[in-house]
Amino acid sequence: MIIEEHWQKFLKADLKNNIEGIKTYADKLVWNKHIETEQLNIIMEAINSRVEKYPEFEKLSNVIFNKNRHLDRPLPYSGSSGGKKQSW
């Protein structure tokens, strides 16, 4: 599966501090709809630990933050108001 291949390449780039590899594979993984929250958290940690030294990671850091918020959002369920708060 392509996500697993990209994940392994990201981990290898992270281990070797390969900035271009981290940027490339983190970007590919973040936009993959099958990424798991745990993987996203590992990517976020790797990017945020380097963002001060490598300003080019700033945009990717923001994308990861928003993706994480998207994955953590409450989803509507049967009988709910669709995730909207009701003010009675």
N, C-alpha and C. Protein backbone atom coordinates (compact mmCIF):
# COMPACT_ATOMS: atom_id res chain seq x y z
N MET A 1 0.85 -1.18 0.00
CA MET A 1 0.00 0.00 0.00
C MET A 1 0.89 1.24 0.00
N ILE A 2 0.51 2.24 -0.74
CA ILE A 2 1.33 3.43 -0.94
C ILE A 2 1.56 4.20 0.35
N ILE A 3 0.56 4.26 1.25
CA ILE A 3 0.75 5.01 2.49
C ILE A 3 1.84 4.37 3.35
N GLU A 4 1.90 3.05 3.36
CA GLU A 4 2.93 2.37 4.15
C GLU A 4 4.33 2.64 3.57
N GLU A 5 4.43 2.67 2.27
CA GLU A 5 5.71 2.97 1.61
C GLU A 5 6.16 4.40 1.96
N HIS A 6 5.24 5.34 1.87
CA HIS A 6 5.57 6.73 2.20
C HIS A 6 5.89 6.87 3.69
N TRP A 7 5.18 6.12 4.53
CA TRP A 7 5.43 6.18 5.97
C TRP A 7 6.85 5.70 6.28
N GLN A 8 7.25 4.59 5.70
CA GLN A 8 8.60 4.07 5.93
C GLN A 8 9.67 5.04 5.43
N LYS A 9 9.42 5.65 4.28
CA LYS A 9 10.37 6.62 3.74
C LYS A 9 10.44 7.88 4.61
N PHE A 10 9.30 8.29 5.16
CA PHE A 10 9.29 9.43 6.08
C PHE A 10 10.11 9.10 7.33
N LEU A 11 9.87 7.93 7.93
CA LEU A 11 10.60 7.54 9.14
C LEU A 11 12.10 7.50 8.90
N LYS A 12 12.49 6.98 7.73
CA LYS A 12 13.92 6.91 7.39
C LYS A 12 14.50 8.31 7.23
N ALA A 13 13.77 9.19 6.56
CA ALA A 13 14.22 10.57 6.37
C ALA A 13 14.33 11.28 7.72
N ASP A 14 13.38 11.04 8.61
CA ASP A 14 13.39 11.64 9.93
C ASP A 14 14.61 11.16 10.73
N LEU A 15 14.87 9.89 10.67
CA LEU A 15 16.00 9.31 11.39
C LEU A 15 17.33 9.89 10.90
N LYS A 16 17.43 10.10 9.58
CA LYS A 16 18.67 10.62 8.99
C LYS A 16 18.69 12.15 8.92
N ASN A 17 17.65 12.78 9.44
CA ASN A 17 17.52 14.24 9.40
C ASN A 17 17.63 14.77 7.96
N ASN A 18 17.04 14.03 7.04
CA ASN A 18 17.00 14.40 5.62
C ASN A 18 15.83 15.37 5.43
N ILE A 19 16.13 16.65 5.44
CA ILE A 19 15.10 17.69 5.42
C ILE A 19 14.21 17.60 4.19
N GLU A 20 14.80 17.42 3.02
CA GLU A 20 13.99 17.31 1.79
C GLU A 20 13.08 16.08 1.84
N GLY A 21 13.62 14.96 2.33
CA GLY A 21 12.82 13.73 2.44
C GLY A 21 11.68 13.90 3.44
N ILE A 22 11.97 14.54 4.57
CA ILE A 22 10.93 14.79 5.57
C ILE A 22 9.83 15.63 4.95
N LYS A 23 10.23 16.71 4.28
CA LYS A 23 9.25 17.62 3.68
C LYS A 23 8.41 16.90 2.63
N THR A 24 9.06 16.14 1.77
CA THR A 24 8.35 15.45 0.69
C THR A 24 7.35 14.43 1.22
N TYR A 25 7.82 13.54 2.09
CA TYR A 25 6.95 12.45 2.54
C TYR A 25 5.94 12.90 3.58
N ALA A 26 6.27 13.89 4.40
CA ALA A 26 5.29 14.42 5.35
C ALA A 26 4.14 15.05 4.57
N ASP A 27 4.46 15.79 3.52
CA ASP A 27 3.43 16.42 2.70
C ASP A 27 2.53 15.38 2.05
N LYS A 28 3.13 14.34 1.49
CA LYS A 28 2.34 13.27 0.85
C LYS A 28 1.44 12.58 1.87
N LEU A 29 1.97 12.31 3.06
CA LEU A 29 1.20 11.62 4.08
C LEU A 29 0.06 12.47 4.63
N VAL A 30 0.32 13.74 4.85
CA VAL A 30 -0.70 14.62 5.42
C VAL A 30 -1.92 14.69 4.52
N TRP A 31 -1.71 14.69 3.22
CA TRP A 31 -2.83 14.79 2.29
C TRP A 31 -3.49 13.45 1.99
N ASN A 32 -2.95 12.36 2.52
CA ASN A 32 -3.53 11.03 2.31
C ASN A 32 -4.70 10.84 3.28
N LYS A 33 -5.86 10.50 2.76
CA LYS A 33 -7.04 10.38 3.61
C LYS A 33 -7.00 9.16 4.53
N HIS A 34 -6.05 8.27 4.33
CA HIS A 34 -5.95 7.07 5.15
C HIS A 34 -4.95 7.19 6.29
N ILE A 35 -4.38 8.37 6.48
CA ILE A 35 -3.40 8.55 7.54
C ILE A 35 -4.09 8.38 8.90
N GLU A 36 -3.37 7.77 9.82
CA GLU A 36 -3.91 7.56 11.16
C GLU A 36 -3.48 8.72 12.06
N THR A 37 -4.27 8.97 13.08
CA THR A 37 -3.98 10.06 14.01
C THR A 37 -2.61 9.91 14.64
N GLU A 38 -2.25 8.69 15.00
CA GLU A 38 -0.95 8.44 15.61
C GLU A 38 0.19 8.82 14.66
N GLN A 39 0.05 8.48 13.39
CA GLN A 39 1.06 8.84 12.41
C GLN A 39 1.14 10.35 12.26
N LEU A 40 -0.01 11.00 12.22
CA LEU A 40 -0.04 12.45 12.09
C LEU A 40 0.65 13.12 13.28
N ASN A 41 0.45 12.57 14.47
CA ASN A 41 1.09 13.13 15.67
C ASN A 41 2.61 12.98 15.60
N ILE A 42 3.10 11.87 15.07
CA ILE A 42 4.54 11.66 14.92
C ILE A 42 5.12 12.64 13.91
N ILE A 43 4.40 12.84 12.81
CA ILE A 43 4.84 13.80 11.79
C ILE A 43 4.85 15.21 12.39
N MET A 44 3.80 15.55 13.13
CA MET A 44 3.71 16.88 13.73
C MET A 44 4.88 17.12 14.69
N GLU A 45 5.22 16.12 15.46
CA GLU A 45 6.35 16.24 16.39
C GLU A 45 7.66 16.46 15.63
N ALA A 46 7.85 15.70 14.56
CA ALA A 46 9.08 15.82 13.76
C ALA A 46 9.18 17.19 13.10
N ILE A 47 8.08 17.69 12.57
CA ILE A 47 8.07 18.99 11.90
C ILE A 47 8.24 20.12 12.91
N ASN A 48 7.47 20.09 13.98
CA ASN A 48 7.51 21.17 14.97
C ASN A 48 8.86 21.26 15.68
N SER A 49 9.56 20.15 15.81
CA SER A 49 10.87 20.19 16.44
C SER A 49 11.92 20.84 15.54
N ARG A 50 11.61 20.98 14.26
CA ARG A 50 12.56 21.53 13.29
C ARG A 50 12.13 22.87 12.71
N VAL A 51 10.92 23.30 13.01
CA VAL A 51 10.36 24.49 12.34
C VAL A 51 11.17 25.76 12.65
N GLU A 52 11.76 25.84 13.81
CA GLU A 52 12.54 27.04 14.15
C GLU A 52 13.81 27.12 13.31
N LYS A 53 14.44 25.97 13.10
CA LYS A 53 15.68 25.93 12.33
C LYS A 53 15.41 25.96 10.82
N TYR A 54 14.28 25.40 10.42
CA TYR A 54 13.93 25.31 8.99
C TYR A 54 12.57 25.99 8.78
N PRO A 55 12.54 27.29 8.53
CA PRO A 55 11.29 28.03 8.39
C PRO A 55 10.38 27.49 7.28
N GLU A 56 10.94 26.76 6.33
CA GLU A 56 10.12 26.22 5.25
C GLU A 56 9.11 25.18 5.76
N PHE A 57 9.27 24.73 7.01
CA PHE A 57 8.33 23.78 7.60
C PHE A 57 7.10 24.47 8.19
N GLU A 58 7.09 25.80 8.23
CA GLU A 58 5.99 26.54 8.86
C GLU A 58 4.65 26.22 8.20
N LYS A 59 4.61 26.28 6.87
CA LYS A 59 3.35 26.02 6.15
C LYS A 59 2.89 24.58 6.39
N LEU A 60 3.82 23.65 6.34
CA LEU A 60 3.49 22.25 6.57
C LEU A 60 3.00 22.04 8.00
N SER A 61 3.58 22.74 8.94
CA SER A 61 3.14 22.67 10.34
C SER A 61 1.69 23.12 10.47
N ASN A 62 1.33 24.18 9.76
CA ASN A 62 -0.06 24.66 9.79
C ASN A 62 -1.02 23.67 9.15
N VAL A 63 -0.60 23.06 8.06
CA VAL A 63 -1.43 22.06 7.39
C VAL A 63 -1.66 20.87 8.32
N ILE A 64 -0.61 20.43 9.00
CA ILE A 64 -0.73 19.30 9.93
C ILE A 64 -1.65 19.65 11.08
N PHE A 65 -1.51 20.86 11.62
CA PHE A 65 -2.38 21.31 12.70
C PHE A 65 -3.84 21.25 12.28
N ASN A 66 -4.14 21.77 11.08
CA ASN A 66 -5.53 21.77 10.59
C ASN A 66 -6.04 20.36 10.31
N LYS A 67 -5.18 19.51 9.79
CA LYS A 67 -5.58 18.12 9.53
C LYS A 67 -5.90 17.42 10.85
N ASN A 68 -5.09 17.68 11.87
CA ASN A 68 -5.32 17.09 13.18
C ASN A 68 -6.65 17.56 13.75
N ARG A 69 -6.95 18.83 13.60
CA ARG A 69 -8.24 19.35 14.06
C ARG A 69 -9.39 18.71 13.30
N HIS A 70 -9.19 18.50 12.01
CA HIS A 70 -10.21 17.86 11.18
C HIS A 70 -10.48 16.44 11.67
N LEU A 71 -9.42 15.70 12.00
CA LEU A 71 -9.59 14.31 12.46
C LEU A 71 -10.21 14.25 13.85
N ASP A 72 -10.00 15.28 14.66
CA ASP A 72 -10.51 15.28 16.04
C ASP A 72 -11.91 15.88 16.18
N ARG A 73 -12.50 16.32 15.08
CA ARG A 73 -13.80 16.98 15.17
C ARG A 73 -14.89 15.99 15.56
N PRO A 74 -15.90 16.45 16.27
CA PRO A 74 -17.02 15.56 16.59
C PRO A 74 -17.85 15.28 15.34
N LEU A 75 -18.17 14.05 15.14
CA LEU A 75 -18.96 13.67 13.98
C LEU A 75 -20.42 13.50 14.39
N PRO A 76 -21.33 13.89 13.51
CA PRO A 76 -22.75 13.70 13.82
C PRO A 76 -23.09 12.21 13.84
N TYR A 77 -24.07 11.87 14.62
CA TYR A 77 -24.53 10.48 14.68
C TYR A 77 -26.05 10.47 14.59
N SER A 78 -26.59 9.33 14.37
CA SER A 78 -28.03 9.20 14.20
C SER A 78 -28.76 9.75 15.42
N GLY A 79 -29.69 10.65 15.19
CA GLY A 79 -30.45 11.25 16.28
C GLY A 79 -29.82 12.50 16.85
N SER A 80 -28.65 12.87 16.34
CA SER A 80 -27.99 14.08 16.85
C SER A 80 -28.43 15.29 16.03
N SER A 81 -27.98 16.44 16.46
CA SER A 81 -28.32 17.67 15.74
C SER A 81 -27.24 17.98 14.70
N GLY A 82 -26.46 16.99 14.32
CA GLY A 82 -25.44 17.19 13.29
C GLY A 82 -24.18 17.85 13.82
N GLY A 83 -23.95 17.73 15.13
CA GLY A 83 -22.76 18.32 15.71
C GLY A 83 -22.94 19.78 16.08
N LYS A 84 -24.12 20.35 15.83
CA LYS A 84 -24.38 21.75 16.18
C LYS A 84 -24.87 21.83 17.62
N LYS A 85 -24.38 22.83 18.32
CA LYS A 85 -24.85 23.07 19.69
C LYS A 85 -26.22 23.73 19.62
N GLN A 86 -27.09 23.28 20.48
CA GLN A 86 -28.41 23.89 20.55
C GLN A 86 -28.46 24.82 21.74
N SER A 87 -28.99 26.00 21.56
CA SER A 87 -29.15 26.92 22.69
C SER A 87 -30.62 26.98 23.02
N TRP A 88 -30.99 26.27 24.05
CA TRP A 88 -32.40 26.18 24.43
C TRP A 88 -32.72 27.28 25.36
